[in-house]
Amino acid sequence: MEKWHNLPVFQKAMEIQKLVDHIVKSVENTDIDFEYEIQSEMIQSNITYMRENSLIIPAKIAGASGEQALYDLKMENAAIIRKAARELITDAHGIEMHGYKDTEYLDLLRTEVEVFRILFAEWVKAFDMWNYAIDRWGVFNPPGINYDDNDPDDDIPFDPDNYFE
């Protein structure tokens, strides 16, 4: 089994995914009286996005947890995870606004995402920032590394005749 399965941040992400699955089923089985058809479509969008975001989080944790994964890839995945977790809370608010009455489940989700946030922040702090390739887009470079810095690997002479002998 992969090491990321044992990470607390991954285990919490899986708990959140299961909780979201139960919330989605509960919302789907609840009779909410909508005045307009668009309200039904909006709540359907909320639960669709909740389900998608709850699946994205553990997948991206797994993708960022490989020992060979470079810093910029880890940070890109971390940004996607952060966005997905925040959208879970936004969609929970949307479901509540549309009349979902079992708000204790949504409160539990908010609590679990807050616990996840702390585990996530500690996990990100542990990324090896010196295992990197320069992000030429300039978004996910380690501190002190710029998108236009010289890549030290570019200075290594390469002679294909010597390489293939």
N, C-alpha and C. Protein backbone atom coordinates (compact mmCIF):
# COMPACT_ATOMS: atom_id res chain seq x y z
N MET A 1 0.85 -1.18 0.00
CA MET A 1 0.00 0.00 0.00
C MET A 1 0.89 1.25 0.00
N GLU A 2 0.46 2.26 -0.70
CA GLU A 2 1.23 3.49 -0.80
C GLU A 2 1.30 4.23 0.54
N LYS A 3 2.38 4.98 0.74
CA LYS A 3 2.57 5.71 2.00
C LYS A 3 1.50 6.78 2.22
N TRP A 4 0.98 7.36 1.16
CA TRP A 4 0.01 8.45 1.32
C TRP A 4 -1.29 7.97 1.97
N HIS A 5 -1.58 6.68 1.90
CA HIS A 5 -2.77 6.15 2.56
C HIS A 5 -2.72 6.36 4.06
N ASN A 6 -1.51 6.40 4.61
CA ASN A 6 -1.34 6.54 6.05
C ASN A 6 -1.21 7.98 6.52
N LEU A 7 -1.15 8.91 5.59
CA LEU A 7 -1.03 10.32 5.97
C LEU A 7 -2.32 10.78 6.66
N PRO A 8 -2.20 11.47 7.79
CA PRO A 8 -3.41 12.00 8.46
C PRO A 8 -4.24 12.90 7.55
N VAL A 9 -3.59 13.69 6.71
CA VAL A 9 -4.32 14.60 5.82
C VAL A 9 -5.13 13.79 4.80
N PHE A 10 -4.59 12.68 4.32
CA PHE A 10 -5.32 11.83 3.38
C PHE A 10 -6.48 11.13 4.08
N GLN A 11 -6.23 10.62 5.28
CA GLN A 11 -7.30 9.94 6.01
C GLN A 11 -8.46 10.89 6.33
N LYS A 12 -8.13 12.14 6.69
CA LYS A 12 -9.18 13.13 6.95
C LYS A 12 -9.93 13.45 5.65
N ALA A 13 -9.21 13.53 4.55
CA ALA A 13 -9.85 13.79 3.25
C ALA A 13 -10.85 12.68 2.92
N MET A 14 -10.50 11.45 3.23
CA MET A 14 -11.41 10.33 2.96
C MET A 14 -12.63 10.40 3.88
N GLU A 15 -12.44 10.82 5.12
CA GLU A 15 -13.58 11.00 6.03
C GLU A 15 -14.51 12.08 5.50
N ILE A 16 -13.94 13.17 5.00
CA ILE A 16 -14.75 14.26 4.44
C ILE A 16 -15.49 13.77 3.21
N GLN A 17 -14.84 12.98 2.38
CA GLN A 17 -15.48 12.46 1.17
C GLN A 17 -16.70 11.61 1.54
N LYS A 18 -16.56 10.77 2.56
CA LYS A 18 -17.69 9.94 3.00
C LYS A 18 -18.81 10.81 3.59
N LEU A 19 -18.44 11.83 4.36
CA LEU A 19 -19.43 12.73 4.93
C LEU A 19 -20.19 13.46 3.82
N VAL A 20 -19.47 13.94 2.82
CA VAL A 20 -20.12 14.63 1.70
C VAL A 20 -21.05 13.68 0.97
N ASP A 21 -20.63 12.44 0.80
CA ASP A 21 -21.50 11.46 0.15
C ASP A 21 -22.81 11.30 0.90
N HIS A 22 -22.74 11.25 2.23
CA HIS A 22 -23.96 11.14 3.04
C HIS A 22 -24.82 12.41 2.95
N ILE A 23 -24.16 13.56 2.94
CA ILE A 23 -24.90 14.83 2.81
C ILE A 23 -25.62 14.88 1.47
N VAL A 24 -24.92 14.50 0.41
CA VAL A 24 -25.53 14.53 -0.93
C VAL A 24 -26.75 13.61 -0.96
N LYS A 25 -26.62 12.41 -0.42
CA LYS A 25 -27.77 11.48 -0.39
C LYS A 25 -28.91 12.06 0.43
N SER A 26 -28.58 12.70 1.52
CA SER A 26 -29.61 13.30 2.38
C SER A 26 -30.34 14.42 1.64
N VAL A 27 -29.58 15.26 0.94
CA VAL A 27 -30.19 16.37 0.18
C VAL A 27 -31.07 15.81 -0.92
N GLU A 28 -30.59 14.78 -1.60
CA GLU A 28 -31.37 14.19 -2.69
C GLU A 28 -32.68 13.56 -2.19
N ASN A 29 -32.69 13.11 -0.94
CA ASN A 29 -33.88 12.47 -0.37
C ASN A 29 -34.77 13.45 0.40
N THR A 30 -34.40 14.71 0.43
CA THR A 30 -35.17 15.72 1.15
C THR A 30 -36.13 16.40 0.19
N ASP A 31 -37.33 16.61 0.66
CA ASP A 31 -38.30 17.36 -0.14
C ASP A 31 -38.17 18.84 0.20
N ILE A 32 -37.51 19.56 -0.68
CA ILE A 32 -37.40 21.00 -0.51
C ILE A 32 -38.37 21.62 -1.52
N ASP A 33 -39.24 22.47 -1.01
CA ASP A 33 -40.25 23.10 -1.86
C ASP A 33 -39.63 24.32 -2.55
N PHE A 34 -39.46 24.21 -3.87
CA PHE A 34 -38.87 25.29 -4.64
C PHE A 34 -39.95 26.11 -5.31
N GLU A 35 -39.79 27.42 -5.21
CA GLU A 35 -40.73 28.32 -5.87
C GLU A 35 -40.45 28.38 -7.37
N TYR A 36 -39.17 28.30 -7.73
CA TYR A 36 -38.77 28.40 -9.14
C TYR A 36 -37.90 27.20 -9.51
N GLU A 37 -37.96 26.78 -10.75
CA GLU A 37 -37.17 25.65 -11.25
C GLU A 37 -35.67 25.92 -11.10
N ILE A 38 -35.27 27.15 -11.26
CA ILE A 38 -33.85 27.49 -11.16
C ILE A 38 -33.28 27.16 -9.78
N GLN A 39 -34.11 27.24 -8.76
CA GLN A 39 -33.64 26.91 -7.41
C GLN A 39 -33.28 25.42 -7.33
N SER A 40 -34.07 24.59 -7.95
CA SER A 40 -33.78 23.16 -7.98
C SER A 40 -32.47 22.89 -8.73
N GLU A 41 -32.28 23.60 -9.83
CA GLU A 41 -31.05 23.45 -10.60
C GLU A 41 -29.83 23.93 -9.80
N MET A 42 -30.01 24.98 -9.05
CA MET A 42 -28.90 25.51 -8.26
C MET A 42 -28.48 24.54 -7.16
N ILE A 43 -29.43 23.96 -6.45
CA ILE A 43 -29.08 23.02 -5.39
C ILE A 43 -28.47 21.75 -6.00
N GLN A 44 -28.95 21.37 -7.17
CA GLN A 44 -28.35 20.21 -7.86
C GLN A 44 -26.90 20.51 -8.21
N SER A 45 -26.63 21.72 -8.64
CA SER A 45 -25.24 22.12 -8.93
C SER A 45 -24.40 22.09 -7.66
N ASN A 46 -24.96 22.57 -6.56
CA ASN A 46 -24.23 22.55 -5.29
C ASN A 46 -23.81 21.14 -4.91
N ILE A 47 -24.73 20.19 -4.99
CA ILE A 47 -24.38 18.84 -4.56
C ILE A 47 -23.45 18.15 -5.58
N THR A 48 -23.59 18.48 -6.85
CA THR A 48 -22.67 17.92 -7.85
C THR A 48 -21.25 18.41 -7.58
N TYR A 49 -21.10 19.71 -7.35
CA TYR A 49 -19.78 20.26 -7.06
C TYR A 49 -19.22 19.75 -5.74
N MET A 50 -20.08 19.57 -4.75
CA MET A 50 -19.61 19.02 -3.47
C MET A 50 -19.02 17.63 -3.68
N ARG A 51 -19.73 16.82 -4.42
CA ARG A 51 -19.25 15.45 -4.67
C ARG A 51 -17.92 15.49 -5.43
N GLU A 52 -17.84 16.31 -6.47
CA GLU A 52 -16.61 16.40 -7.26
C GLU A 52 -15.44 16.90 -6.41
N ASN A 53 -15.67 17.94 -5.64
CA ASN A 53 -14.59 18.48 -4.81
C ASN A 53 -14.14 17.49 -3.74
N SER A 54 -15.06 16.73 -3.20
CA SER A 54 -14.68 15.76 -2.17
C SER A 54 -13.84 14.63 -2.77
N LEU A 55 -13.97 14.38 -4.05
CA LEU A 55 -13.16 13.36 -4.73
C LEU A 55 -11.81 13.92 -5.18
N ILE A 56 -11.78 15.18 -5.53
CA ILE A 56 -10.54 15.82 -5.97
C ILE A 56 -9.51 15.85 -4.84
N ILE A 57 -9.95 16.14 -3.63
CA ILE A 57 -9.02 16.36 -2.52
C ILE A 57 -8.12 15.14 -2.27
N PRO A 58 -8.66 13.94 -2.03
CA PRO A 58 -7.75 12.82 -1.78
C PRO A 58 -6.90 12.45 -3.01
N ALA A 59 -7.46 12.62 -4.20
CA ALA A 59 -6.70 12.31 -5.41
C ALA A 59 -5.48 13.22 -5.54
N LYS A 60 -5.65 14.49 -5.25
CA LYS A 60 -4.53 15.42 -5.35
C LYS A 60 -3.52 15.24 -4.23
N ILE A 61 -3.98 14.80 -3.06
CA ILE A 61 -3.05 14.48 -1.97
C ILE A 61 -2.16 13.32 -2.42
N ALA A 62 -2.77 12.30 -2.99
CA ALA A 62 -2.00 11.15 -3.47
C ALA A 62 -0.99 11.60 -4.54
N GLY A 63 -1.42 12.45 -5.44
CA GLY A 63 -0.54 12.92 -6.51
C GLY A 63 0.63 13.75 -6.01
N ALA A 64 0.42 14.46 -4.93
CA ALA A 64 1.47 15.32 -4.39
C ALA A 64 2.36 14.60 -3.39
N SER A 65 2.03 13.39 -3.04
CA SER A 65 2.75 12.70 -1.97
C SER A 65 3.87 11.80 -2.44
N GLY A 66 4.04 11.67 -3.72
CA GLY A 66 5.14 10.84 -4.21
C GLY A 66 6.48 11.46 -3.83
N GLU A 67 7.40 10.61 -3.42
CA GLU A 67 8.71 11.11 -2.98
C GLU A 67 9.44 11.82 -4.11
N GLN A 68 9.19 11.44 -5.34
CA GLN A 68 9.87 12.05 -6.47
C GLN A 68 9.16 13.30 -6.99
N ALA A 69 7.97 13.59 -6.46
CA ALA A 69 7.22 14.75 -6.94
C ALA A 69 7.98 16.03 -6.62
N LEU A 70 8.12 16.88 -7.60
CA LEU A 70 8.83 18.14 -7.44
C LEU A 70 7.97 19.15 -6.70
N TYR A 71 8.64 20.12 -6.10
CA TYR A 71 7.99 21.14 -5.28
C TYR A 71 6.86 21.85 -6.04
N ASP A 72 7.12 22.24 -7.29
CA ASP A 72 6.09 22.99 -8.01
C ASP A 72 4.85 22.14 -8.25
N LEU A 73 5.02 20.83 -8.50
CA LEU A 73 3.87 19.95 -8.67
C LEU A 73 3.11 19.80 -7.36
N LYS A 74 3.85 19.65 -6.26
CA LYS A 74 3.21 19.53 -4.95
C LYS A 74 2.41 20.79 -4.64
N MET A 75 3.00 21.96 -4.91
CA MET A 75 2.31 23.22 -4.61
C MET A 75 1.09 23.43 -5.52
N GLU A 76 1.20 23.01 -6.77
CA GLU A 76 0.05 23.11 -7.67
C GLU A 76 -1.10 22.25 -7.15
N ASN A 77 -0.79 21.02 -6.75
CA ASN A 77 -1.81 20.16 -6.17
C ASN A 77 -2.37 20.75 -4.89
N ALA A 78 -1.50 21.33 -4.06
CA ALA A 78 -1.96 21.95 -2.81
C ALA A 78 -2.94 23.08 -3.10
N ALA A 79 -2.68 23.87 -4.12
CA ALA A 79 -3.59 24.97 -4.46
C ALA A 79 -4.95 24.43 -4.91
N ILE A 80 -4.95 23.34 -5.66
CA ILE A 80 -6.21 22.73 -6.10
C ILE A 80 -6.97 22.16 -4.90
N ILE A 81 -6.24 21.53 -3.97
CA ILE A 81 -6.87 20.98 -2.76
C ILE A 81 -7.51 22.10 -1.95
N ARG A 82 -6.77 23.18 -1.75
CA ARG A 82 -7.28 24.33 -0.99
C ARG A 82 -8.57 24.87 -1.62
N LYS A 83 -8.55 25.02 -2.93
CA LYS A 83 -9.72 25.53 -3.64
C LYS A 83 -10.91 24.58 -3.47
N ALA A 84 -10.68 23.28 -3.61
CA ALA A 84 -11.76 22.30 -3.48
C ALA A 84 -12.34 22.31 -2.07
N ALA A 85 -11.49 22.40 -1.05
CA ALA A 85 -11.98 22.42 0.33
C ALA A 85 -12.80 23.67 0.61
N ARG A 86 -12.34 24.80 0.10
CA ARG A 86 -13.10 26.04 0.30
C ARG A 86 -14.44 25.99 -0.42
N GLU A 87 -14.47 25.37 -1.59
CA GLU A 87 -15.72 25.26 -2.34
C GLU A 87 -16.71 24.33 -1.65
N LEU A 88 -16.22 23.34 -0.89
CA LEU A 88 -17.14 22.50 -0.11
C LEU A 88 -17.95 23.36 0.84
N ILE A 89 -17.29 24.29 1.49
CA ILE A 89 -17.97 25.18 2.45
C ILE A 89 -18.94 26.11 1.72
N THR A 90 -18.53 26.63 0.58
CA THR A 90 -19.40 27.51 -0.21
C THR A 90 -20.66 26.76 -0.65
N ASP A 91 -20.49 25.54 -1.13
CA ASP A 91 -21.65 24.76 -1.58
C ASP A 91 -22.53 24.34 -0.41
N ALA A 92 -21.93 24.09 0.74
CA ALA A 92 -22.75 23.79 1.93
C ALA A 92 -23.63 24.99 2.27
N HIS A 93 -23.06 26.17 2.16
CA HIS A 93 -23.84 27.39 2.41
C HIS A 93 -24.98 27.51 1.38
N GLY A 94 -24.68 27.20 0.13
CA GLY A 94 -25.71 27.26 -0.91
C GLY A 94 -26.85 26.30 -0.65
N ILE A 95 -26.54 25.09 -0.20
CA ILE A 95 -27.58 24.12 0.11
C ILE A 95 -28.45 24.62 1.26
N GLU A 96 -27.81 25.19 2.26
CA GLU A 96 -28.53 25.73 3.41
C GLU A 96 -29.45 26.88 2.98
N MET A 97 -28.95 27.75 2.12
CA MET A 97 -29.74 28.88 1.63
C MET A 97 -30.99 28.43 0.87
N HIS A 98 -30.91 27.27 0.25
CA HIS A 98 -32.04 26.77 -0.53
C HIS A 98 -33.01 25.93 0.28
N GLY A 99 -32.82 25.90 1.59
CA GLY A 99 -33.84 25.30 2.43
C GLY A 99 -33.53 23.95 3.01
N TYR A 100 -32.32 23.47 2.87
CA TYR A 100 -31.96 22.19 3.48
C TYR A 100 -31.98 22.37 4.99
N LYS A 101 -32.77 21.55 5.67
CA LYS A 101 -33.03 21.76 7.10
C LYS A 101 -32.06 21.02 8.03
N ASP A 102 -31.41 19.97 7.55
CA ASP A 102 -30.51 19.19 8.41
C ASP A 102 -29.14 19.86 8.50
N THR A 103 -29.15 21.06 9.04
CA THR A 103 -27.92 21.88 9.04
C THR A 103 -26.83 21.33 9.96
N GLU A 104 -27.17 20.40 10.87
CA GLU A 104 -26.14 19.83 11.73
C GLU A 104 -25.12 19.05 10.90
N TYR A 105 -25.55 18.47 9.78
CA TYR A 105 -24.61 17.78 8.90
C TYR A 105 -23.67 18.78 8.22
N LEU A 106 -24.22 19.91 7.85
CA LEU A 106 -23.40 20.95 7.23
C LEU A 106 -22.43 21.55 8.24
N ASP A 107 -22.89 21.71 9.49
CA ASP A 107 -21.99 22.18 10.54
C ASP A 107 -20.86 21.18 10.80
N LEU A 108 -21.19 19.90 10.75
CA LEU A 108 -20.17 18.86 10.91
C LEU A 108 -19.16 18.94 9.77
N LEU A 109 -19.64 19.16 8.56
CA LEU A 109 -18.73 19.31 7.42
C LEU A 109 -17.80 20.50 7.63
N ARG A 110 -18.35 21.62 8.08
CA ARG A 110 -17.51 22.80 8.33
C ARG A 110 -16.44 22.50 9.38
N THR A 111 -16.82 21.78 10.43
CA THR A 111 -15.87 21.42 11.48
C THR A 111 -14.78 20.51 10.93
N GLU A 112 -15.17 19.53 10.14
CA GLU A 112 -14.20 18.58 9.59
C GLU A 112 -13.26 19.26 8.59
N VAL A 113 -13.76 20.19 7.81
CA VAL A 113 -12.89 20.92 6.88
C VAL A 113 -11.90 21.78 7.66
N GLU A 114 -12.31 22.34 8.79
CA GLU A 114 -11.39 23.12 9.62
C GLU A 114 -10.29 22.22 10.19
N VAL A 115 -10.63 21.03 10.64
CA VAL A 115 -9.62 20.08 11.12
C VAL A 115 -8.68 19.72 9.96
N PHE A 116 -9.26 19.48 8.79
CA PHE A 116 -8.47 19.17 7.59
C PHE A 116 -7.52 20.31 7.26
N ARG A 117 -7.99 21.55 7.38
CA ARG A 117 -7.16 22.72 7.04
C ARG A 117 -5.86 22.72 7.84
N ILE A 118 -5.95 22.39 9.11
CA ILE A 118 -4.75 22.38 9.96
C ILE A 118 -3.82 21.24 9.55
N LEU A 119 -4.36 20.05 9.33
CA LEU A 119 -3.55 18.93 8.86
C LEU A 119 -2.90 19.26 7.52
N PHE A 120 -3.66 19.88 6.65
CA PHE A 120 -3.18 20.28 5.33
C PHE A 120 -2.03 21.27 5.43
N ALA A 121 -2.18 22.29 6.26
CA ALA A 121 -1.13 23.30 6.41
C ALA A 121 0.16 22.68 6.93
N GLU A 122 0.05 21.76 7.86
CA GLU A 122 1.24 21.07 8.38
C GLU A 122 1.87 20.18 7.30
N TRP A 123 1.05 19.53 6.50
CA TRP A 123 1.54 18.68 5.41
C TRP A 123 2.30 19.53 4.39
N VAL A 124 1.76 20.67 4.02
CA VAL A 124 2.40 21.55 3.04
C VAL A 124 3.74 22.06 3.57
N LYS A 125 3.80 22.37 4.87
CA LYS A 125 5.05 22.83 5.46
C LYS A 125 6.18 21.81 5.31
N ALA A 126 5.82 20.56 5.20
CA ALA A 126 6.81 19.49 5.12
C ALA A 126 7.33 19.26 3.69
N PHE A 127 6.80 19.97 2.70
CA PHE A 127 7.28 19.79 1.32
C PHE A 127 8.75 20.18 1.24
N ASP A 128 9.52 19.39 0.52
CA ASP A 128 10.94 19.69 0.30
C ASP A 128 11.05 20.73 -0.81
N MET A 129 11.27 21.97 -0.40
CA MET A 129 11.30 23.04 -1.40
C MET A 129 12.57 23.02 -2.26
N TRP A 130 13.55 22.22 -1.87
CA TRP A 130 14.79 22.19 -2.66
C TRP A 130 14.79 21.05 -3.67
N ASN A 131 13.72 20.32 -3.74
CA ASN A 131 13.52 19.32 -4.79
C ASN A 131 12.59 19.95 -5.82
N TYR A 132 13.17 20.77 -6.67
CA TYR A 132 12.33 21.57 -7.57
C TYR A 132 12.93 21.66 -8.96
N ALA A 133 12.08 21.98 -9.88
CA ALA A 133 12.46 22.45 -11.21
C ALA A 133 11.88 23.86 -11.27
N ILE A 134 12.55 24.76 -11.93
CA ILE A 134 12.07 26.14 -11.98
C ILE A 134 10.72 26.18 -12.70
N ASP A 135 9.74 26.77 -12.02
CA ASP A 135 8.42 26.98 -12.62
C ASP A 135 8.52 28.23 -13.47
N ARG A 136 8.59 28.05 -14.77
CA ARG A 136 8.76 29.20 -15.68
C ARG A 136 7.51 30.08 -15.75
N TRP A 137 6.42 29.63 -15.15
CA TRP A 137 5.23 30.47 -15.03
C TRP A 137 5.33 31.38 -13.82
N GLY A 138 6.22 31.06 -12.90
CA GLY A 138 6.48 31.91 -11.75
C GLY A 138 5.49 31.80 -10.60
N VAL A 139 4.69 30.76 -10.59
CA VAL A 139 3.65 30.66 -9.57
C VAL A 139 4.09 29.81 -8.38
N PHE A 140 4.75 28.68 -8.63
CA PHE A 140 5.02 27.72 -7.57
C PHE A 140 6.50 27.47 -7.35
N ASN A 141 7.29 28.49 -7.43
CA ASN A 141 8.71 28.36 -7.13
C ASN A 141 8.95 28.47 -5.63
N PRO A 142 10.00 27.80 -5.14
CA PRO A 142 10.35 27.98 -3.73
C PRO A 142 10.77 29.43 -3.48
N PRO A 143 10.70 29.86 -2.23
CA PRO A 143 11.14 31.24 -1.92
C PRO A 143 12.56 31.47 -2.41
N GLY A 144 12.76 32.61 -3.04
CA GLY A 144 14.09 32.98 -3.53
C GLY A 144 14.39 32.51 -4.94
N ILE A 145 13.52 31.72 -5.52
CA ILE A 145 13.71 31.22 -6.89
C ILE A 145 12.73 31.96 -7.79
N ASN A 146 13.25 32.55 -8.86
CA ASN A 146 12.42 33.31 -9.79
C ASN A 146 12.24 32.56 -11.10
N TYR A 147 11.17 32.86 -11.80
CA TYR A 147 10.86 32.17 -13.05
C TYR A 147 11.94 32.36 -14.10
N ASP A 148 12.69 33.45 -14.04
CA ASP A 148 13.70 33.73 -15.05
C ASP A 148 15.12 33.43 -14.57
N ASP A 149 15.26 32.75 -13.44
CA ASP A 149 16.58 32.35 -12.96
C ASP A 149 17.21 31.36 -13.93
N ASN A 150 18.54 31.36 -13.93
CA ASN A 150 19.27 30.40 -14.73
C ASN A 150 19.12 29.03 -14.09
N ASP A 151 18.81 28.02 -14.89
CA ASP A 151 18.73 26.66 -14.39
C ASP A 151 20.13 26.07 -14.40
N PRO A 152 20.67 25.67 -13.23
CA PRO A 152 22.03 25.15 -13.18
C PRO A 152 22.23 23.93 -14.10
N ASP A 153 21.18 23.17 -14.35
CA ASP A 153 21.30 22.02 -15.25
C ASP A 153 21.58 22.44 -16.68
N ASP A 154 21.22 23.66 -17.04
CA ASP A 154 21.48 24.14 -18.39
C ASP A 154 22.97 24.33 -18.65
N ASP A 155 23.77 24.48 -17.59
CA ASP A 155 25.21 24.72 -17.72
C ASP A 155 26.01 23.43 -17.85
N ILE A 156 25.37 22.29 -17.69
CA ILE A 156 26.07 21.02 -17.78
C ILE A 156 26.23 20.68 -19.27
N PRO A 157 27.48 20.54 -19.72
CA PRO A 157 27.67 20.22 -21.14
C PRO A 157 27.16 18.82 -21.44
N PHE A 158 26.56 18.67 -22.59
CA PHE A 158 26.01 17.39 -23.01
C PHE A 158 26.53 17.07 -24.39
N ASP A 159 27.22 15.96 -24.49
CA ASP A 159 27.73 15.48 -25.78
C ASP A 159 27.06 14.14 -26.05
N PRO A 160 26.12 14.09 -26.99
CA PRO A 160 25.39 12.85 -27.24
C PRO A 160 26.30 11.69 -27.66
N ASP A 161 27.45 12.01 -28.29
CA ASP A 161 28.37 10.93 -28.68
C ASP A 161 28.94 10.23 -27.46
N ASN A 162 29.24 10.98 -26.41
CA ASN A 162 29.77 10.38 -25.20
C ASN A 162 28.68 9.67 -24.39
N TYR A 163 27.47 10.13 -24.52
CA TYR A 163 26.37 9.58 -23.73
C TYR A 163 25.97 8.18 -24.21
N PHE A 164 25.93 8.01 -25.53
CA PHE A 164 25.41 6.77 -26.09
C PHE A 164 26.47 5.69 -26.30
N GLU A 165 27.70 5.92 -25.90
CA GLU A 165 28.75 4.91 -26.08
C GLU A 165 28.72 3.86 -25.05
